[in-house]
Amino acid sequence: MYGTWRGAKVDVSDMKNARAEIAIELSSKRHAEAIHKALKPETRHSIGPRSKVAILLTGKTLRIDVFAKDIPALRAAVNSYLRWVSGSATLIQEVDRFGPKRETACSATAKAAG
């Protein structure tokens, strides 16, 4: 049996008892794409044998669908993905805070002398 969620097919034949759908709107499409790209490989391998996850991106909204055999497995998977999203978003915000790396007069002089 396959579950279809926003175009993603997930084999959920053994995951009938618990499901969570999470939508997270991020500050920009670029941030959403970066987090989606970082987390997508995690969906290829389950966190455990009792849960499966699908991640989709629509604009600046990241959607996470978790299927699990039971509530403890659902909770574990949801907590893991939410921690990963939170950590990734914090990291991106810190990197953005400093802006793009700019060449300073000292670094240009060092390159010319090198």
PDB file of N, CA and C in Angstrom:
ATOM      1  N   MET A   1       0.837  -1.169   0.000  1.00  0.00           N
ATOM      2  CA  MET A   1       0.000   0.000   0.000  1.00  0.00           C
ATOM      3  C   MET A   1       0.888   1.240   0.000  1.00  0.00           C
ATOM      4  N   TYR A   2       0.532   2.224  -0.811  1.00  0.00           N
ATOM      5  CA  TYR A   2       1.301   3.468  -0.886  1.00  0.00           C
ATOM      6  C   TYR A   2       0.448   4.622  -0.422  1.00  0.00           C
ATOM      7  N   GLY A   3       1.058   5.496   0.327  1.00  0.00           N
ATOM      8  CA  GLY A   3       0.410   6.745   0.699  1.00  0.00           C
ATOM      9  C   GLY A   3       0.922   7.808  -0.252  1.00  0.00           C
ATOM     10  N   THR A   4       0.047   8.655  -0.724  1.00  0.00           N
ATOM     11  CA  THR A   4       0.488   9.745  -1.588  1.00  0.00           C
ATOM     12  C   THR A   4       0.263  11.031  -0.837  1.00  0.00           C
ATOM     13  N   TRP A   5       1.298  11.792  -0.782  1.00  0.00           N
ATOM     14  CA  TRP A   5       1.219  13.048  -0.058  1.00  0.00           C
ATOM     15  C   TRP A   5       1.865  14.117  -0.898  1.00  0.00           C
ATOM     16  N   ARG A   6       1.064  15.002  -1.430  1.00  0.00           N
ATOM     17  CA  ARG A   6       1.554  16.106  -2.239  1.00  0.00           C
ATOM     18  C   ARG A   6       2.510  15.646  -3.333  1.00  0.00           C
ATOM     19  N   GLY A   7       2.184  14.534  -3.963  1.00  0.00           N
ATOM     20  CA  GLY A   7       2.980  14.062  -5.077  1.00  0.00           C
ATOM     21  C   GLY A   7       4.059  13.049  -4.706  1.00  0.00           C
ATOM     22  N   ALA A   8       4.363  12.892  -3.422  1.00  0.00           N
ATOM     23  CA  ALA A   8       5.393  11.928  -3.018  1.00  0.00           C
ATOM     24  C   ALA A   8       4.719  10.593  -2.707  1.00  0.00           C
ATOM     25  N   LYS A   9       5.306   9.508  -3.194  1.00  0.00           N
ATOM     26  CA  LYS A   9       4.775   8.182  -2.894  1.00  0.00           C
ATOM     27  C   LYS A   9       5.627   7.562  -1.805  1.00  0.00           C
ATOM     28  N   VAL A  10       4.977   7.086  -0.771  1.00  0.00           N
ATOM     29  CA  VAL A  10       5.662   6.456   0.352  1.00  0.00           C
ATOM     30  C   VAL A  10       4.982   5.124   0.617  1.00  0.00           C
ATOM     31  N   ASP A  11       5.760   4.050   0.682  1.00  0.00           N
ATOM     32  CA  ASP A  11       5.201   2.738   0.994  1.00  0.00           C
ATOM     33  C   ASP A  11       4.849   2.722   2.477  1.00  0.00           C
ATOM     34  N   VAL A  12       3.565   2.719   2.765  1.00  0.00           N
ATOM     35  CA  VAL A  12       3.115   2.764   4.153  1.00  0.00           C
ATOM     36  C   VAL A  12       2.290   1.525   4.521  1.00  0.00           C
ATOM     37  N   SER A  13       2.511   0.433   3.823  1.00  0.00           N
ATOM     38  CA  SER A  13       1.711  -0.770   4.071  1.00  0.00           C
ATOM     39  C   SER A  13       1.849  -1.265   5.503  1.00  0.00           C
ATOM     40  N   ASP A  14       3.009  -1.010   6.112  1.00  0.00           N
ATOM     41  CA  ASP A  14       3.202  -1.446   7.487  1.00  0.00           C
ATOM     42  C   ASP A  14       3.180  -0.274   8.473  1.00  0.00           C
ATOM     43  N   MET A  15       2.718   0.890   8.024  1.00  0.00           N
ATOM     44  CA  MET A  15       2.697   2.085   8.872  1.00  0.00           C
ATOM     45  C   MET A  15       1.275   2.650   8.932  1.00  0.00           C
ATOM     46  N   LYS A  16       0.368   1.939   9.559  1.00  0.00           N
ATOM     47  CA  LYS A  16      -1.042   2.306   9.494  1.00  0.00           C
ATOM     48  C   LYS A  16      -1.567   3.046  10.717  1.00  0.00           C
ATOM     49  N   ASN A  17      -0.840   3.048  11.803  1.00  0.00           N
ATOM     50  CA  ASN A  17      -1.443   3.470  13.052  1.00  0.00           C
ATOM     51  C   ASN A  17      -1.256   4.929  13.441  1.00  0.00           C
ATOM     52  N   ALA A  18      -0.229   5.596  12.950  1.00  0.00           N
ATOM     53  CA  ALA A  18       0.005   6.980  13.364  1.00  0.00           C
ATOM     54  C   ALA A  18       0.559   7.786  12.194  1.00  0.00           C
ATOM     55  N   ARG A  19       0.112   9.038  12.102  1.00  0.00           N
ATOM     56  CA  ARG A  19       0.561   9.892  11.006  1.00  0.00           C
ATOM     57  C   ARG A  19       0.563  11.345  11.475  1.00  0.00           C
ATOM     58  N   ALA A  20       1.558  12.097  11.042  1.00  0.00           N
ATOM     59  CA  ALA A  20       1.609  13.524  11.339  1.00  0.00           C
ATOM     60  C   ALA A  20       1.968  14.273  10.069  1.00  0.00           C
ATOM     61  N   GLU A  21       1.287  15.370   9.827  1.00  0.00           N
ATOM     62  CA  GLU A  21       1.603  16.255   8.711  1.00  0.00           C
ATOM     63  C   GLU A  21       2.019  17.585   9.311  1.00  0.00           C
ATOM     64  N   ILE A  22       3.200  18.051   8.932  1.00  0.00           N
ATOM     65  CA  ILE A  22       3.750  19.286   9.485  1.00  0.00           C
ATOM     66  C   ILE A  22       4.086  20.223   8.337  1.00  0.00           C
ATOM     67  N   ALA A  23       3.648  21.460   8.429  1.00  0.00           N
ATOM     68  CA  ALA A  23       3.979  22.478   7.428  1.00  0.00           C
ATOM     69  C   ALA A  23       4.728  23.598   8.150  1.00  0.00           C
ATOM     70  N   ILE A  24       5.923  23.924   7.657  1.00  0.00           N
ATOM     71  CA  ILE A  24       6.743  24.959   8.263  1.00  0.00           C
ATOM     72  C   ILE A  24       7.027  26.017   7.208  1.00  0.00           C
ATOM     73  N   GLU A  25       6.557  27.228   7.457  1.00  0.00           N
ATOM     74  CA  GLU A  25       6.838  28.323   6.528  1.00  0.00           C
ATOM     75  C   GLU A  25       8.115  29.018   6.996  1.00  0.00           C
ATOM     76  N   LEU A  26       9.100  29.040   6.109  1.00  0.00           N
ATOM     77  CA  LEU A  26      10.380  29.644   6.432  1.00  0.00           C
ATOM     78  C   LEU A  26      10.437  31.083   5.942  1.00  0.00           C
ATOM     79  N   SER A  27      11.489  31.788   6.333  1.00  0.00           N
ATOM     80  CA  SER A  27      11.571  33.222   6.023  1.00  0.00           C
ATOM     81  C   SER A  27      11.774  33.510   4.540  1.00  0.00           C
ATOM     82  N   SER A  28      12.332  32.552   3.797  1.00  0.00           N
ATOM     83  CA  SER A  28      12.523  32.768   2.364  1.00  0.00           C
ATOM     84  C   SER A  28      12.527  31.439   1.619  1.00  0.00           C
ATOM     85  N   LYS A  29      12.317  31.528   0.321  1.00  0.00           N
ATOM     86  CA  LYS A  29      12.352  30.326  -0.510  1.00  0.00           C
ATOM     87  C   LYS A  29      13.757  29.733  -0.512  1.00  0.00           C
ATOM     88  N   ARG A  30      14.772  30.587  -0.490  1.00  0.00           N
ATOM     89  CA  ARG A  30      16.168  30.123  -0.484  1.00  0.00           C
ATOM     90  C   ARG A  30      16.461  29.306   0.781  1.00  0.00           C
ATOM     91  N   HIS A  31      15.976  29.788   1.921  1.00  0.00           N
ATOM     92  CA  HIS A  31      16.164  29.048   3.173  1.00  0.00           C
ATOM     93  C   HIS A  31      15.429  27.710   3.125  1.00  0.00           C
ATOM     94  N   ALA A  32      14.203  27.725   2.624  1.00  0.00           N
ATOM     95  CA  ALA A  32      13.416  26.496   2.525  1.00  0.00           C
ATOM     96  C   ALA A  32      14.109  25.480   1.616  1.00  0.00           C
ATOM     97  N   GLU A  33      14.646  25.951   0.483  1.00  0.00           N
ATOM     98  CA  GLU A  33      15.344  25.057  -0.445  1.00  0.00           C
ATOM     99  C   GLU A  33      16.594  24.458   0.200  1.00  0.00           C
ATOM    100  N   ALA A  34      17.327  25.260   0.949  1.00  0.00           N
ATOM    101  CA  ALA A  34      18.552  24.772   1.603  1.00  0.00           C
ATOM    102  C   ALA A  34      18.232  23.694   2.629  1.00  0.00           C
ATOM    103  N   ILE A  35      17.194  23.919   3.426  1.00  0.00           N
ATOM    104  CA  ILE A  35      16.823  22.932   4.446  1.00  0.00           C
ATOM    105  C   ILE A  35      16.259  21.679   3.793  1.00  0.00           C
ATOM    106  N   HIS A  36      15.450  21.836   2.763  1.00  0.00           N
ATOM    107  CA  HIS A  36      14.907  20.687   2.026  1.00  0.00           C
ATOM    108  C   HIS A  36      16.048  19.840   1.462  1.00  0.00           C
ATOM    109  N   LYS A  37      17.006  20.505   0.851  1.00  0.00           N
ATOM    110  CA  LYS A  37      18.154  19.797   0.266  1.00  0.00           C
ATOM    111  C   LYS A  37      18.970  19.067   1.349  1.00  0.00           C
ATOM    112  N   ALA A  38      19.076  19.664   2.520  1.00  0.00           N
ATOM    113  CA  ALA A  38      19.826  19.041   3.612  1.00  0.00           C
ATOM    114  C   ALA A  38      19.106  17.824   4.199  1.00  0.00           C
ATOM    115  N   LEU A  39      17.781  17.901   4.281  1.00  0.00           N
ATOM    116  CA  LEU A  39      17.018  16.826   4.933  1.00  0.00           C
ATOM    117  C   LEU A  39      16.550  15.715   3.997  1.00  0.00           C
ATOM    118  N   LYS A  40      16.447  16.008   2.722  1.00  0.00           N
ATOM    119  CA  LYS A  40      15.926  15.023   1.761  1.00  0.00           C
ATOM    120  C   LYS A  40      16.652  13.668   1.828  1.00  0.00           C
ATOM    121  N   PRO A  41      17.999  13.646   1.920  1.00  0.00           N
ATOM    122  CA  PRO A  41      18.671  12.340   1.994  1.00  0.00           C
ATOM    123  C   PRO A  41      18.269  11.512   3.221  1.00  0.00           C
ATOM    124  N   GLU A  42      17.854  12.185   4.290  1.00  0.00           N
ATOM    125  CA  GLU A  42      17.445  11.464   5.504  1.00  0.00           C
ATOM    126  C   GLU A  42      16.180  10.646   5.281  1.00  0.00           C
ATOM    127  N   THR A  43      15.360  11.035   4.305  1.00  0.00           N
ATOM    128  CA  THR A  43      14.103  10.321   4.058  1.00  0.00           C
ATOM    129  C   THR A  43      14.331   8.999   3.320  1.00  0.00           C
ATOM    130  N   ARG A  44      15.490   8.843   2.718  1.00  0.00           N
ATOM    131  CA  ARG A  44      15.788   7.599   1.989  1.00  0.00           C
ATOM    132  C   ARG A  44      16.048   6.435   2.937  1.00  0.00           C
ATOM    133  N   HIS A  45      16.458   6.761   4.150  1.00  0.00           N
ATOM    134  CA  HIS A  45      16.729   5.746   5.169  1.00  0.00           C
ATOM    135  C   HIS A  45      15.938   6.118   6.411  1.00  0.00           C
ATOM    136  N   SER A  46      15.099   5.234   6.865  1.00  0.00           N
ATOM    137  CA  SER A  46      14.259   5.517   8.021  1.00  0.00           C
ATOM    138  C   SER A  46      15.106   5.753   9.263  1.00  0.00           C
ATOM    139  N   ILE A  47      14.563   6.570  10.165  1.00  0.00           N
ATOM    140  CA  ILE A  47      15.206   6.780  11.464  1.00  0.00           C
ATOM    141  C   ILE A  47      15.207   5.455  12.208  1.00  0.00           C
ATOM    142  N   GLY A  48      14.139   4.717  12.045  1.00  0.00           N
ATOM    143  CA  GLY A  48      14.012   3.403  12.656  1.00  0.00           C
ATOM    144  C   GLY A  48      13.071   2.576  11.806  1.00  0.00           C
ATOM    145  N   PRO A  49      12.920   1.306  12.138  1.00  0.00           N
ATOM    146  CA  PRO A  49      12.072   0.432  11.321  1.00  0.00           C
ATOM    147  C   PRO A  49      10.574   0.702  11.482  1.00  0.00           C
ATOM    148  N   ARG A  50      10.216   1.565  12.440  1.00  0.00           N
ATOM    149  CA  ARG A  50       8.794   1.794  12.715  1.00  0.00           C
ATOM    150  C   ARG A  50       8.262   3.097  12.144  1.00  0.00           C
ATOM    151  N   SER A  51       9.078   3.827  11.352  1.00  0.00           N
ATOM    152  CA  SER A  51       8.574   5.084  10.795  1.00  0.00           C
ATOM    153  C   SER A  51       9.163   5.363   9.416  1.00  0.00           C
ATOM    154  N   LYS A  52       8.419   6.154   8.639  1.00  0.00           N
ATOM    155  CA  LYS A  52       8.858   6.598   7.315  1.00  0.00           C
ATOM    156  C   LYS A  52       8.458   8.059   7.173  1.00  0.00           C
ATOM    157  N   VAL A  53       9.257   8.798   6.388  1.00  0.00           N
ATOM    158  CA  VAL A  53       9.030  10.237   6.272  1.00  0.00           C
ATOM    159  C   VAL A  53       9.112  10.674   4.815  1.00  0.00           C
ATOM    160  N   ALA A  54       8.254  11.620   4.452  1.00  0.00           N
ATOM    161  CA  ALA A  54       8.304  12.266   3.138  1.00  0.00           C
ATOM    162  C   ALA A  54       8.459  13.762   3.376  1.00  0.00           C
ATOM    163  N   ILE A  55       9.321  14.406   2.586  1.00  0.00           N
ATOM    164  CA  ILE A  55       9.524  15.854   2.690  1.00  0.00           C
ATOM    165  C   ILE A  55       9.281  16.473   1.325  1.00  0.00           C
ATOM    166  N   LEU A  56       8.488  17.533   1.307  1.00  0.00           N
ATOM    167  CA  LEU A  56       8.211  18.241   0.059  1.00  0.00           C
ATOM    168  C   LEU A  56       8.356  19.739   0.271  1.00  0.00           C
ATOM    169  N   LEU A  57       8.672  20.414  -0.806  1.00  0.00           N
ATOM    170  CA  LEU A  57       8.872  21.848  -0.765  1.00  0.00           C
ATOM    171  C   LEU A  57       7.884  22.532  -1.699  1.00  0.00           C
ATOM    172  N   THR A  58       7.170  23.516  -1.191  1.00  0.00           N
ATOM    173  CA  THR A  58       6.257  24.319  -1.991  1.00  0.00           C
ATOM    174  C   THR A  58       6.541  25.773  -1.655  1.00  0.00           C
ATOM    175  N   GLY A  59       7.214  26.465  -2.572  1.00  0.00           N
ATOM    176  CA  GLY A  59       7.587  27.853  -2.300  1.00  0.00           C
ATOM    177  C   GLY A  59       8.525  27.914  -1.116  1.00  0.00           C
ATOM    178  N   LYS A  60       8.120  28.670  -0.086  1.00  0.00           N
ATOM    179  CA  LYS A  60       8.956  28.746   1.109  1.00  0.00           C
ATOM    180  C   LYS A  60       8.390  27.908   2.261  1.00  0.00           C
ATOM    181  N   THR A  61       7.505  26.978   1.901  1.00  0.00           N
ATOM    182  CA  THR A  61       6.919  26.086   2.904  1.00  0.00           C
ATOM    183  C   THR A  61       7.493  24.673   2.764  1.00  0.00           C
ATOM    184  N   LEU A  62       8.030  24.185   3.853  1.00  0.00           N
ATOM    185  CA  LEU A  62       8.572  22.834   3.927  1.00  0.00           C
ATOM    186  C   LEU A  62       7.508  21.957   4.567  1.00  0.00           C
ATOM    187  N   ARG A  63       7.140  20.883   3.886  1.00  0.00           N
ATOM    188  CA  ARG A  63       6.116  19.980   4.415  1.00  0.00           C
ATOM    189  C   ARG A  63       6.762  18.644   4.762  1.00  0.00           C
ATOM    190  N   ILE A  64       6.459  18.176   5.957  1.00  0.00           N
ATOM    191  CA  ILE A  64       7.006  16.909   6.446  1.00  0.00           C
ATOM    192  C   ILE A  64       5.833  16.018   6.818  1.00  0.00           C
ATOM    193  N   ASP A  65       5.784  14.824   6.225  1.00  0.00           N
ATOM    194  CA  ASP A  65       4.728  13.859   6.515  1.00  0.00           C
ATOM    195  C   ASP A  65       5.383  12.640   7.135  1.00  0.00           C
ATOM    196  N   VAL A  66       4.947  12.286   8.330  1.00  0.00           N
ATOM    197  CA  VAL A  66       5.538  11.169   9.065  1.00  0.00           C
ATOM    198  C   VAL A  66       4.493  10.071   9.223  1.00  0.00           C
ATOM    199  N   PHE A  67       4.855   8.854   8.827  1.00  0.00           N
ATOM    200  CA  PHE A  67       4.021   7.673   9.009  1.00  0.00           C
ATOM    201  C   PHE A  67       4.728   6.775  10.023  1.00  0.00           C
ATOM    202  N   ALA A  68       3.983   6.225  10.967  1.00  0.00           N
ATOM    203  CA  ALA A  68       4.616   5.369  11.972  1.00  0.00           C
ATOM    204  C   ALA A  68       3.676   4.247  12.405  1.00  0.00           C
ATOM    205  N   LYS A  69       4.273   3.195  12.955  1.00  0.00           N
ATOM    206  CA  LYS A  69       3.492   2.060  13.440  1.00  0.00           C
ATOM    207  C   LYS A  69       2.787   2.385  14.749  1.00  0.00           C
ATOM    208  N   ASP A  70       3.387   3.289  15.539  1.00  0.00           N
ATOM    209  CA  ASP A  70       2.812   3.611  16.837  1.00  0.00           C
ATOM    210  C   ASP A  70       3.185   5.032  17.243  1.00  0.00           C
ATOM    211  N   ILE A  71       2.572   5.522  18.302  1.00  0.00           N
ATOM    212  CA  ILE A  71       2.776   6.902  18.750  1.00  0.00           C
ATOM    213  C   ILE A  71       4.225   7.167  19.198  1.00  0.00           C
ATOM    214  N   PRO A  72       4.876   6.285  19.954  1.00  0.00           N
ATOM    215  CA  PRO A  72       6.273   6.565  20.330  1.00  0.00           C
ATOM    216  C   PRO A  72       7.201   6.702  19.108  1.00  0.00           C
ATOM    217  N   ALA A  73       6.992   5.883  18.085  1.00  0.00           N
ATOM    218  CA  ALA A  73       7.810   5.987  16.872  1.00  0.00           C
ATOM    219  C   ALA A  73       7.501   7.284  16.128  1.00  0.00           C
ATOM    220  N   LEU A  74       6.232   7.671  16.102  1.00  0.00           N
ATOM    221  CA  LEU A  74       5.837   8.936  15.477  1.00  0.00           C
ATOM    222  C   LEU A  74       6.495  10.103  16.205  1.00  0.00           C
ATOM    223  N   ARG A  75       6.427  10.088  17.506  1.00  0.00           N
ATOM    224  CA  ARG A  75       7.013  11.164  18.316  1.00  0.00           C
ATOM    225  C   ARG A  75       8.513  11.271  18.090  1.00  0.00           C
ATOM    226  N   ALA A  76       9.198  10.151  18.062  1.00  0.00           N
ATOM    227  CA  ALA A  76      10.650  10.151  17.851  1.00  0.00           C
ATOM    228  C   ALA A  76      11.011  10.733  16.488  1.00  0.00           C
ATOM    229  N   ALA A  77      10.307  10.329  15.460  1.00  0.00           N
ATOM    230  CA  ALA A  77      10.595  10.824  14.111  1.00  0.00           C
ATOM    231  C   ALA A  77      10.277  12.313  13.990  1.00  0.00           C
ATOM    232  N   VAL A  78       9.131  12.728  14.504  1.00  0.00           N
ATOM    233  CA  VAL A  78       8.751  14.144  14.449  1.00  0.00           C
ATOM    234  C   VAL A  78       9.784  14.987  15.190  1.00  0.00           C
ATOM    235  N   ASN A  79      10.158  14.560  16.395  1.00  0.00           N
ATOM    236  CA  ASN A  79      11.149  15.321  17.165  1.00  0.00           C
ATOM    237  C   ASN A  79      12.481  15.427  16.427  1.00  0.00           C
ATOM    238  N   SER A  80      12.917  14.345  15.809  1.00  0.00           N
ATOM    239  CA  SER A  80      14.184  14.366  15.068  1.00  0.00           C
ATOM    240  C   SER A  80      14.125  15.374  13.926  1.00  0.00           C
ATOM    241  N   TYR A  81      13.081  15.300  13.110  1.00  0.00           N
ATOM    242  CA  TYR A  81      12.986  16.194  11.966  1.00  0.00           C
ATOM    243  C   TYR A  81      12.819  17.651  12.401  1.00  0.00           C
ATOM    244  N   LEU A  82      12.041  17.898  13.445  1.00  0.00           N
ATOM    245  CA  LEU A  82      11.884  19.275  13.907  1.00  0.00           C
ATOM    246  C   LEU A  82      13.201  19.833  14.452  1.00  0.00           C
ATOM    247  N   ARG A  83      13.981  18.995  15.140  1.00  0.00           N
ATOM    248  CA  ARG A  83      15.299  19.439  15.616  1.00  0.00           C
ATOM    249  C   ARG A  83      16.220  19.749  14.449  1.00  0.00           C
ATOM    250  N   TRP A  84      16.193  18.915  13.406  1.00  0.00           N
ATOM    251  CA  TRP A  84      17.043  19.154  12.238  1.00  0.00           C
ATOM    252  C   TRP A  84      16.638  20.444  11.528  1.00  0.00           C
ATOM    253  N   VAL A  85      15.343  20.666  11.389  1.00  0.00           N
ATOM    254  CA  VAL A  85      14.880  21.901  10.747  1.00  0.00           C
ATOM    255  C   VAL A  85      15.291  23.108  11.589  1.00  0.00           C
ATOM    256  N   SER A  86      15.077  23.022  12.876  1.00  0.00           N
ATOM    257  CA  SER A  86      15.417  24.135  13.763  1.00  0.00           C
ATOM    258  C   SER A  86      16.915  24.439  13.724  1.00  0.00           C
ATOM    259  N   GLY A  87      17.732  23.415  13.821  1.00  0.00           N
ATOM    260  CA  GLY A  87      19.185  23.608  13.770  1.00  0.00           C
ATOM    261  C   GLY A  87      19.636  24.184  12.438  1.00  0.00           C
ATOM    262  N   SER A  88      19.069  23.687  11.359  1.00  0.00           N
ATOM    263  CA  SER A  88      19.421  24.189  10.024  1.00  0.00           C
ATOM    264  C   SER A  88      19.009  25.643   9.861  1.00  0.00           C
ATOM    265  N   ALA A  89      17.810  25.986  10.307  1.00  0.00           N
ATOM    266  CA  ALA A  89      17.314  27.357  10.188  1.00  0.00           C
ATOM    267  C   ALA A  89      18.181  28.311  11.010  1.00  0.00           C
ATOM    268  N   THR A  90      18.564  27.896  12.202  1.00  0.00           N
ATOM    269  CA  THR A  90      19.430  28.727  13.045  1.00  0.00           C
ATOM    270  C   THR A  90      20.779  28.946  12.377  1.00  0.00           C
ATOM    271  N   LEU A  91      21.348  27.898  11.828  1.00  0.00           N
ATOM    272  CA  LEU A  91      22.636  28.002  11.144  1.00  0.00           C
ATOM    273  C   LEU A  91      22.542  28.951   9.946  1.00  0.00           C
ATOM    274  N   ILE A  92      21.504  28.809   9.150  1.00  0.00           N
ATOM    275  CA  ILE A  92      21.335  29.668   7.978  1.00  0.00           C
ATOM    276  C   ILE A  92      21.189  31.128   8.406  1.00  0.00           C
ATOM    277  N   GLN A  93      20.424  31.378   9.459  1.00  0.00           N
ATOM    278  CA  GLN A  93      20.249  32.753   9.932  1.00  0.00           C
ATOM    279  C   GLN A  93      21.571  33.349  10.406  1.00  0.00           C
ATOM    280  N   GLU A  94      22.387  32.551  11.083  1.00  0.00           N
ATOM    281  CA  GLU A  94      23.689  33.046  11.547  1.00  0.00           C
ATOM    282  C   GLU A  94      24.610  33.352  10.373  1.00  0.00           C
ATOM    283  N   VAL A  95      24.609  32.491   9.377  1.00  0.00           N
ATOM    284  CA  VAL A  95      25.438  32.725   8.191  1.00  0.00           C
ATOM    285  C   VAL A  95      24.961  33.987   7.467  1.00  0.00           C
ATOM    286  N   ASP A  96      23.650  34.131   7.321  1.00  0.00           N
ATOM    287  CA  ASP A  96      23.095  35.313   6.653  1.00  0.00           C
ATOM    288  C   ASP A  96      23.391  36.598   7.419  1.00  0.00           C
ATOM    289  N   ARG A  97      23.491  36.491   8.729  1.00  0.00           N
ATOM    290  CA  ARG A  97      23.743  37.676   9.554  1.00  0.00           C
ATOM    291  C   ARG A  97      25.063  38.343   9.186  1.00  0.00           C
ATOM    292  N   PHE A  98      26.025  37.545   8.793  1.00  0.00           N
ATOM    293  CA  PHE A  98      27.326  38.081   8.439  1.00  0.00           C
ATOM    294  C   PHE A  98      27.404  38.491   6.972  1.00  0.00           C
ATOM    295  N   GLY A  99      26.421  38.122   6.187  1.00  0.00           N
ATOM    296  CA  GLY A  99      26.375  38.508   4.782  1.00  0.00           C
ATOM    297  C   GLY A  99      27.427  37.796   3.961  1.00  0.00           C
ATOM    298  N   PRO A 100      27.475  38.129   2.674  1.00  0.00           N
ATOM    299  CA  PRO A 100      28.461  37.479   1.802  1.00  0.00           C
ATOM    300  C   PRO A 100      29.874  37.905   2.191  1.00  0.00           C
ATOM    301  N   LYS A 101      30.800  36.998   2.033  1.00  0.00           N
ATOM    302  CA  LYS A 101      32.191  37.299   2.358  1.00  0.00           C
ATOM    303  C   LYS A 101      32.733  38.290   1.334  1.00  0.00           C
ATOM    304  N   ARG A 102      33.270  39.357   1.839  1.00  0.00           N
ATOM    305  CA  ARG A 102      33.795  40.402   0.958  1.00  0.00           C
ATOM    306  C   ARG A 102      35.301  40.450   1.081  1.00  0.00           C
ATOM    307  N   GLU A 103      35.932  40.760  -0.007  1.00  0.00           N
ATOM    308  CA  GLU A 103      37.378  40.881  -0.006  1.00  0.00           C
ATOM    309  C   GLU A 103      37.761  42.220   0.606  1.00  0.00           C
ATOM    310  N   THR A 104      38.652  42.166   1.589  1.00  0.00           N
ATOM    311  CA  THR A 104      39.090  43.386   2.246  1.00  0.00           C
ATOM    312  C   THR A 104      40.403  43.853   1.606  1.00  0.00           C
ATOM    313  N   ALA A 105      40.807  45.053   1.955  1.00  0.00           N
ATOM    314  CA  ALA A 105      42.060  45.587   1.428  1.00  0.00           C
ATOM    315  C   ALA A 105      43.234  44.705   1.826  1.00  0.00           C
ATOM    316  N   CYS A 106      43.221  44.161   3.058  1.00  0.00           N
ATOM    317  CA  CYS A 106      44.302  43.300   3.516  1.00  0.00           C
ATOM    318  C   CYS A 106      44.374  41.995   2.723  1.00  0.00           C
ATOM    319  N   SER A 107      43.228  41.386   2.464  1.00  0.00           N
ATOM    320  CA  SER A 107      43.246  40.130   1.723  1.00  0.00           C
ATOM    321  C   SER A 107      43.650  40.354   0.274  1.00  0.00           C
ATOM    322  N   ALA A 108      43.269  41.503  -0.310  1.00  0.00           N
ATOM    323  CA  ALA A 108      43.666  41.797  -1.688  1.00  0.00           C
ATOM    324  C   ALA A 108      45.169  42.044  -1.756  1.00  0.00           C
ATOM    325  N   THR A 109      45.721  42.708  -0.757  1.00  0.00           N
ATOM    326  CA  THR A 109      47.146  42.970  -0.715  1.00  0.00           C
ATOM    327  C   THR A 109      47.915  41.665  -0.538  1.00  0.00           C
ATOM    328  N   ALA A 110      47.410  40.788   0.325  1.00  0.00           N
ATOM    329  CA  ALA A 110      48.076  39.510   0.561  1.00  0.00           C
ATOM    330  C   ALA A 110      48.078  38.666  -0.698  1.00  0.00           C
ATOM    331  N   LYS A 111      46.998  38.671  -1.471  1.00  0.00           N
ATOM    332  CA  LYS A 111      46.950  37.914  -2.720  1.00  0.00           C
ATOM    333  C   LYS A 111      47.938  38.465  -3.723  1.00  0.00           C
ATOM    334  N   ALA A 112      48.028  39.784  -3.812  1.00  0.00           N
ATOM    335  CA  ALA A 112      48.939  40.401  -4.768  1.00  0.00           C
ATOM    336  C   ALA A 112      50.384  40.116  -4.416  1.00  0.00           C
ATOM    337  N   ALA A 113      50.693  40.066  -3.117  1.00  0.00           N
ATOM    338  CA  ALA A 113      52.074  39.821  -2.673  1.00  0.00           C
ATOM    339  C   ALA A 113      52.431  38.338  -2.806  1.00  0.00           C
ATOM    340  N   GLY A 114      51.400  37.461  -2.703  1.00  0.00           N
ATOM    341  CA  GLY A 114      51.598  36.018  -2.668  1.00  0.00           C
ATOM    342  C   GLY A 114      52.034  35.489  -3.954  1.00  0.00           C
TER     343      GLY A 114
END
